[in-house]
Amino acid sequence: MRGTVHKYGDNINTDIITPGKYMELSIEDMARHAMEGVDEDFYSKVKPGDILVCGKNCGSGSSRETAPRALKAAGISAIVAKSFARIFYRNCFNIGLPVLELPETDEIGDGDTLDINFSSGEVVDLDSGRAYSFAPLPQRLLDMLDAGGLVAQLEQEKNRRGEK
């Protein structure tokens, strides 16, 4: 996976990602307002395949799944952060949005291009030339991501067994 970085700091919580006043909107419309509390131009800057990079405690706050869904609908293809709130981390995988913890996010610049290999556990910053390692994702999570998330994976498994 290769994408351009949109970088933010610590404590990017679910209320920042998807402000509460937009909860009645569709995910596609909500995506247009993603991150507007810290960057009003976020939606207009993001291109499909881009990567969100944050500091510590990414996705804290409420457990609503709208936050990762809106980021994905905006075009974000992966999130890299120093640490994640546990429910946000799981919600991302459940909807097919890969995330990884990387302590060195301070070294990655806004606008840099990252190349991420989730199965080998390597991130390369193509602008700085730096390479970083992380624990490769287990095959079960890779399969879930390939399927498009947990529900899609379960539906595929059900269809393979011939169930309705």
Protein backbone atom coordinates (compact mmCIF):
# COMPACT_ATOMS: atom_id res chain seq x y z
CA MET A 1 0.00 0.00 0.00
CA ARG A 2 1.35 3.40 -0.96
CA GLY A 3 -0.14 6.79 -0.11
CA THR A 4 0.42 10.41 0.78
CA VAL A 5 0.52 11.31 4.47
CA HIS A 6 -1.92 13.64 6.21
CA LYS A 7 -0.33 14.17 9.61
CA TYR A 8 -1.91 15.23 12.89
CA GLY A 9 -0.89 15.13 16.54
CA ASP A 10 -1.94 13.33 19.69
CA ASN A 11 -5.49 12.69 20.91
CA ILE A 12 -7.30 12.77 17.59
CA ASN A 13 -10.56 11.50 19.05
CA THR A 14 -13.78 10.33 17.44
CA ASP A 15 -15.43 13.74 18.02
CA ILE A 16 -12.64 15.37 16.01
CA ILE A 17 -12.84 12.72 13.30
CA THR A 18 -16.66 12.88 13.03
CA PRO A 19 -18.16 15.86 14.86
CA GLY A 20 -21.38 15.02 16.67
CA LYS A 21 -23.44 17.63 14.83
CA TYR A 22 -23.12 15.54 11.65
CA MET A 23 -24.29 12.19 13.06
CA GLU A 24 -27.59 12.32 11.17
CA LEU A 25 -25.83 12.49 7.79
CA SER A 26 -24.93 9.57 5.56
CA ILE A 27 -21.36 8.30 5.87
CA GLU A 28 -20.51 9.88 2.51
CA ASP A 29 -21.79 13.27 3.68
CA MET A 30 -20.19 12.85 7.09
CA ALA A 31 -16.85 12.21 5.35
CA ARG A 32 -17.02 15.73 3.91
CA HIS A 33 -16.79 17.03 7.49
CA ALA A 34 -14.16 14.57 8.77
CA MET A 35 -11.41 16.19 10.80
CA GLU A 36 -12.81 19.68 10.23
CA GLY A 37 -12.20 20.63 13.88
CA VAL A 38 -8.45 20.46 13.28
CA ASP A 39 -8.32 20.91 9.49
CA GLU A 40 -11.21 22.48 7.58
CA ASP A 41 -9.57 21.48 4.28
CA PHE A 42 -9.03 17.81 5.16
CA TYR A 43 -11.70 16.41 2.84
CA SER A 44 -10.59 18.51 -0.13
CA LYS A 45 -6.94 17.48 0.36
CA VAL A 46 -7.43 13.73 0.75
CA LYS A 47 -7.14 11.57 -2.34
CA PRO A 48 -8.12 7.88 -2.48
CA GLY A 49 -5.31 5.80 -1.04
CA ASP A 50 -3.92 8.49 1.29
CA ILE A 51 -2.69 7.63 4.77
CA LEU A 52 -3.57 9.30 8.08
CA VAL A 53 -0.65 9.58 10.52
CA CYS A 54 -1.27 10.58 14.13
CA GLY A 55 0.49 10.61 17.46
CA LYS A 56 -0.69 8.98 20.67
CA ASN A 57 -4.23 7.94 21.58
CA CYS A 58 -5.75 8.00 18.10
CA GLY A 59 -9.49 7.30 18.05
CA SER A 60 -10.20 7.82 21.73
CA GLY A 61 -13.64 8.97 22.79
CA SER A 62 -16.87 7.28 21.85
CA SER A 63 -17.05 3.79 20.40
CA ARG A 64 -19.02 4.87 17.35
CA GLU A 65 -18.00 3.16 14.15
CA THR A 66 -18.78 6.29 12.13
CA ALA A 67 -15.29 7.70 12.72
CA PRO A 68 -13.32 5.04 10.82
CA ARG A 69 -16.12 4.68 8.26
CA ALA A 70 -16.03 8.42 7.48
CA LEU A 71 -12.23 8.37 7.15
CA LYS A 72 -12.45 5.45 4.77
CA ALA A 73 -15.22 7.16 2.77
CA ALA A 74 -13.03 10.28 2.56
CA GLY A 75 -10.30 8.21 0.88
CA ILE A 76 -8.03 7.23 3.75
CA SER A 77 -6.60 3.75 3.08
CA ALA A 78 -4.65 3.23 6.33
CA ILE A 79 -3.94 4.88 9.67
CA VAL A 80 -0.54 4.91 11.35
CA ALA A 81 -0.28 6.15 14.94
CA LYS A 82 1.86 5.81 18.04
CA SER A 83 -1.12 4.28 19.85
CA PHE A 84 -4.85 3.73 19.38
CA ALA A 85 -7.91 3.50 21.55
CA ARG A 86 -8.73 -0.20 21.59
CA ILE A 87 -12.33 0.01 20.28
CA PHE A 88 -11.32 2.38 17.44
CA TYR A 89 -8.50 0.00 16.47
CA ARG A 90 -10.92 -2.90 16.30
CA ASN A 91 -13.61 -0.90 14.50
CA CYS A 92 -11.09 -0.01 11.79
CA PHE A 93 -10.31 -3.64 11.08
CA ASN A 94 -14.00 -4.53 11.25
CA ILE A 95 -14.71 -2.17 8.34
CA GLY A 96 -11.59 -3.11 6.37
CA LEU A 97 -9.43 -0.09 7.23
CA PRO A 98 -5.91 -1.20 8.21
CA VAL A 99 -4.17 0.47 11.13
CA LEU A 100 -0.73 0.01 12.63
CA GLU A 101 1.08 1.24 15.68
CA LEU A 102 4.45 2.84 14.98
CA PRO A 103 6.38 4.73 17.68
CA GLU A 104 8.34 6.78 15.13
CA THR A 105 5.47 8.84 13.70
CA ASP A 106 7.30 12.06 14.70
CA GLU A 107 9.85 11.29 11.98
CA ILE A 108 7.20 11.13 9.23
CA GLY A 109 6.35 14.40 7.53
CA ASP A 110 3.02 15.74 6.35
CA GLY A 111 2.89 15.16 2.59
CA ASP A 112 5.46 12.35 2.63
CA THR A 113 4.71 9.19 0.70
CA LEU A 114 4.64 5.95 2.69
CA ASP A 115 4.91 2.44 1.35
CA ILE A 116 3.40 -0.02 3.85
CA ASN A 117 3.63 -3.80 3.72
CA PHE A 118 1.29 -5.24 6.35
CA SER A 119 2.36 -8.83 5.82
CA SER A 120 6.11 -8.19 6.14
CA GLY A 121 5.79 -5.48 8.81
CA GLU A 122 7.67 -2.73 7.04
CA VAL A 123 6.97 0.96 6.40
CA VAL A 124 9.22 2.95 4.10
CA ASP A 125 9.05 6.75 3.95
CA LEU A 126 9.90 7.29 0.30
CA ASP A 127 10.73 10.96 0.92
CA SER A 128 13.22 10.52 3.77
CA GLY A 129 14.35 7.02 2.82
CA ARG A 130 13.78 5.82 6.38
CA ALA A 131 12.42 2.33 6.97
CA TYR A 132 10.48 1.25 10.05
CA SER A 133 9.45 -2.15 11.33
CA PHE A 134 6.28 -3.26 13.07
CA ALA A 135 4.80 -6.63 13.96
CA PRO A 136 3.34 -8.08 10.74
CA LEU A 137 -0.41 -8.50 10.82
CA PRO A 138 -1.66 -12.03 11.48
CA GLN A 139 -3.04 -13.84 8.44
CA ARG A 140 -6.57 -13.74 9.85
CA LEU A 141 -6.49 -9.92 9.92
CA LEU A 142 -4.93 -9.77 6.45
CA ASP A 143 -7.75 -12.00 5.18
CA MET A 144 -10.33 -9.77 6.87
CA LEU A 145 -8.83 -6.67 5.23
CA ASP A 146 -8.72 -8.39 1.83
CA ALA A 147 -12.41 -9.25 2.20
CA GLY A 148 -13.30 -5.63 3.02
CA GLY A 149 -13.95 -6.08 6.73
CA LEU A 150 -15.48 -8.53 9.17
CA VAL A 151 -19.05 -8.57 7.83
CA ALA A 152 -17.84 -8.96 4.24
CA GLN A 153 -15.54 -11.78 5.31
CA LEU A 154 -18.32 -13.61 7.15
CA GLU A 155 -20.63 -13.24 4.14
CA GLN A 156 -17.94 -14.65 1.85
CA GLU A 157 -17.43 -17.61 4.18
CA LYS A 158 -21.18 -18.18 4.34
CA ASN A 159 -21.43 -18.09 0.53
CA ARG A 160 -18.56 -20.58 0.18
CA ARG A 161 -20.49 -22.98 2.43
CA GLY A 162 -23.61 -22.47 0.31
CA GLU A 163 -25.65 -20.94 3.14
CA LYS A 164 -28.31 -18.32 2.55
